[in-house]
C-alpha atoms as a PDB file:
ATOM      1  CA  UNK A   1      56.796 101.130 108.763  1.00  0.00           C
ATOM      2  CA  UNK A   2      56.005 101.905 105.160  1.00  0.00           C
ATOM      3  CA  UNK A   3      56.493  99.671 102.163  1.00  0.00           C
ATOM      4  CA  UNK A   4      54.990  96.558 100.749  1.00  0.00           C
ATOM      5  CA  UNK A   5      54.258  93.746 103.201  1.00  0.00           C
ATOM      6  CA  UNK A   6      57.281  91.796 101.954  1.00  0.00           C
ATOM      7  CA  UNK A   7      59.536  94.873 102.228  1.00  0.00           C
ATOM      8  CA  UNK A   8      58.340  95.497 105.764  1.00  0.00           C
ATOM      9  CA  UNK A   9      58.964  91.881 106.711  1.00  0.00           C
ATOM     10  CA  UNK A  10      62.445  92.047 105.197  1.00  0.00           C
ATOM     11  CA  UNK A  11      63.244  95.353 106.915  1.00  0.00           C
ATOM     12  CA  UNK A  12      62.075  93.962 110.250  1.00  0.00           C
ATOM     13  CA  UNK A  13      64.602  91.150 109.845  1.00  0.00           C
ATOM     14  CA  UNK A  14      67.363  93.645 109.069  1.00  0.00           C
ATOM     15  CA  UNK A  15      66.683  96.084 111.915  1.00  0.00           C
ATOM     16  CA  UNK A  16      67.964  93.862 114.758  1.00  0.00           C
ATOM     17  CA  UNK A  17      71.231  93.358 112.848  1.00  0.00           C
ATOM     18  CA  UNK A  18      71.557  97.110 112.415  1.00  0.00           C
ATOM     19  CA  UNK A  19      70.972  97.665 116.119  1.00  0.00           C
ATOM     20  CA  UNK A  20      73.518  94.946 116.915  1.00  0.00           C
ATOM     21  CA  UNK A  21      76.083  96.693 114.702  1.00  0.00           C
ATOM     22  CA  UNK A  22      75.592  99.929 116.615  1.00  0.00           C
ATOM     23  CA  UNK A  23      75.975  97.921 119.852  1.00  0.00           C
ATOM     24  CA  UNK A  24      79.197  96.353 118.561  1.00  0.00           C
ATOM     25  CA  UNK A  25      80.733  99.708 117.672  1.00  0.00           C
ATOM     26  CA  UNK A  26      79.613 101.262 120.973  1.00  0.00           C
ATOM     27  CA  UNK A  27      81.159  98.378 122.908  1.00  0.00           C
ATOM     28  CA  UNK A  28      84.458  98.788 121.048  1.00  0.00           C
ATOM     29  CA  UNK A  29      84.494 102.519 121.750  1.00  0.00           C
ATOM     30  CA  UNK A  30      83.669 101.997 125.436  1.00  0.00           C
ATOM     31  CA  UNK A  31      86.450  99.450 125.688  1.00  0.00           C
ATOM     32  CA  UNK A  32      88.893 101.894 124.099  1.00  0.00           C
ATOM     33  CA  UNK A  33      87.745 104.701 126.405  1.00  0.00           C
ATOM     34  CA  UNK A  34      88.457 102.565 129.467  1.00  0.00           C
ATOM     35  CA  UNK A  35      92.149 102.537 128.551  1.00  0.00           C
ATOM     36  CA  UNK A  36      92.557 106.174 127.573  1.00  0.00           C
ATOM     37  CA  UNK A  37      93.861 109.221 129.390  1.00  0.00           C
ATOM     38  CA  UNK A  38      91.295 111.817 130.418  1.00  0.00           C
ATOM     39  CA  UNK A  39      91.117 114.058 127.316  1.00  0.00           C
ATOM     40  CA  UNK A  40      91.117 111.131 124.900  1.00  0.00           C
ATOM     41  CA  UNK A  41      88.457 109.476 127.025  1.00  0.00           C
ATOM     42  CA  UNK A  42      86.337 112.650 126.890  1.00  0.00           C
ATOM     43  CA  UNK A  43      86.679 112.650 123.093  1.00  0.00           C
ATOM     44  CA  UNK A  44      85.728 108.990 122.828  1.00  0.00           C
ATOM     45  CA  UNK A  45      82.699 109.479 125.064  1.00  0.00           C
ATOM     46  CA  UNK A  46      81.646 112.363 122.788  1.00  0.00           C
ATOM     47  CA  UNK A  47      81.983 110.048 119.796  1.00  0.00           C
ATOM     48  CA  UNK A  48      79.801 107.487 121.580  1.00  0.00           C
ATOM     49  CA  UNK A  49      77.219 110.248 121.979  1.00  0.00           C
ATOM     50  CA  UNK A  50      77.353 110.897 118.235  1.00  0.00           C
ATOM     51  CA  UNK A  51      76.991 107.163 117.636  1.00  0.00           C
ATOM     52  CA  UNK A  52      73.889 106.977 119.810  1.00  0.00           C
ATOM     53  CA  UNK A  53      72.322 109.943 117.998  1.00  0.00           C
ATOM     54  CA  UNK A  54      72.971 108.228 114.671  1.00  0.00           C
ATOM     55  CA  UNK A  55      71.399 105.028 116.017  1.00  0.00           C
ATOM     56  CA  UNK A  56      68.236 106.919 116.965  1.00  0.00           C
ATOM     57  CA  UNK A  57      68.084 108.548 113.513  1.00  0.00           C
ATOM     58  CA  UNK A  58      68.552 105.243 111.697  1.00  0.00           C
ATOM     59  CA  UNK A  59      66.165 103.211 113.797  1.00  0.00           C
ATOM     60  CA  UNK A  60      63.479 105.934 113.558  1.00  0.00           C
ATOM     61  CA  UNK A  61      63.436 105.671 109.771  1.00  0.00           C
ATOM     62  CA  UNK A  62      60.030 104.335 108.797  1.00  0.00           C
ATOM     63  CA  UNK A  63      60.860 103.372 105.207  1.00  0.00           C
ATOM     64  CA  UNK A  64      61.388  99.647 104.755  1.00  0.00           C
ATOM     65  CA  UNK A  65      63.257 100.352 101.522  1.00  0.00           C
ATOM     66  CA  UNK A  66      65.849 102.364 103.458  1.00  0.00           C
ATOM     67  CA  UNK A  67      66.832  99.352 105.543  1.00  0.00           C
ATOM     68  CA  UNK A  68      66.830  97.062 102.539  1.00  0.00           C
ATOM     69  CA  UNK A  69      68.871  99.446 100.413  1.00  0.00           C
ATOM     70  CA  UNK A  70      71.285 100.814 103.029  1.00  0.00           C
ATOM     71  CA  UNK A  71      71.602  98.056 105.630  1.00  0.00           C
ATOM     72  CA  UNK A  72      70.960  94.721 103.939  1.00  0.00           C
ATOM     73  CA  UNK A  73      74.723  94.174 103.832  1.00  0.00           C
ATOM     74  CA  UNK A  74      76.349  95.626 106.907  1.00  0.00           C
ATOM     75  CA  UNK A  75      79.860  96.820 106.193  1.00  0.00           C
ATOM     76  CA  UNK A  76      81.203 100.130 107.464  1.00  0.00           C
ATOM     77  CA  UNK A  77      77.993 102.175 107.465  1.00  0.00           C
ATOM     78  CA  UNK A  78      78.232 103.065 111.157  1.00  0.00           C
ATOM     79  CA  UNK A  79      81.860 104.147 110.885  1.00  0.00           C
ATOM     80  CA  UNK A  80      81.068 106.261 107.816  1.00  0.00           C
ATOM     81  CA  UNK A  81      78.095 107.901 109.527  1.00  0.00           C
ATOM     82  CA  UNK A  82      80.230 108.875 112.499  1.00  0.00           C
ATOM     83  CA  UNK A  83      83.227 110.022 110.453  1.00  0.00           C
ATOM     84  CA  UNK A  84      81.028 112.249 108.274  1.00  0.00           C
ATOM     85  CA  UNK A  85      79.535 114.034 111.277  1.00  0.00           C
ATOM     86  CA  UNK A  86      80.966 117.576 111.688  1.00  0.00           C
ATOM     87  CA  UNK A  87      81.404 117.059 115.444  1.00  0.00           C
ATOM     88  CA  UNK A  88      83.542 113.985 114.832  1.00  0.00           C
ATOM     89  CA  UNK A  89      85.616 115.893 112.296  1.00  0.00           C
ATOM     90  CA  UNK A  90      86.183 118.632 114.889  1.00  0.00           C
ATOM     91  CA  UNK A  91      87.291 116.050 117.455  1.00  0.00           C
ATOM     92  CA  UNK A  92      89.704 114.538 114.941  1.00  0.00           C
ATOM     93  CA  UNK A  93      91.094 117.967 114.040  1.00  0.00           C
ATOM     94  CA  UNK A  94      91.629 118.766 117.739  1.00  0.00           C
ATOM     95  CA  UNK A  95      93.364 115.421 118.226  1.00  0.00           C
ATOM     96  CA  UNK A  96      95.704 116.213 115.334  1.00  0.00           C
ATOM     97  CA  UNK A  97      96.531 119.614 116.850  1.00  0.00           C
ATOM     98  CA  UNK A  98      97.247 118.015 120.233  1.00  0.00           C
ATOM     99  CA  UNK A  99      99.512 115.384 118.632  1.00  0.00           C
ATOM    100  CA  UNK A 100     101.314 118.152 116.773  1.00  0.00           C
ATOM    101  CA  UNK A 101     101.921 120.001 120.046  1.00  0.00           C
ATOM    102  CA  UNK A 102     103.373 116.872 121.613  1.00  0.00           C
ATOM    103  CA  UNK A 103     105.840 116.292 118.807  1.00  0.00           C
ATOM    104  CA  UNK A 104     106.903 119.949 118.436  1.00  0.00           C
END
């Protein structure tokens, strides 16, 4: 990890909380998927895949300042990362089309 010794120490304290936040979101998505019909479940599993890719990207970041700046206070960072992904947007658009078909 790069940064000053105190930044690195601080970032190393933050990283487990970041990983735990990804775990929390993944658990919630898996729980939701367990109660969904097949196509919705497929979509949710795809979103979990996106989540896991984002986790790898975040945890691979070697800059201590990144964790301090972006993750010191954990709010909705994981949700925002997923919702900004083009694959997630495509899933959401497809869901909207399917809902439209059902109500037409």
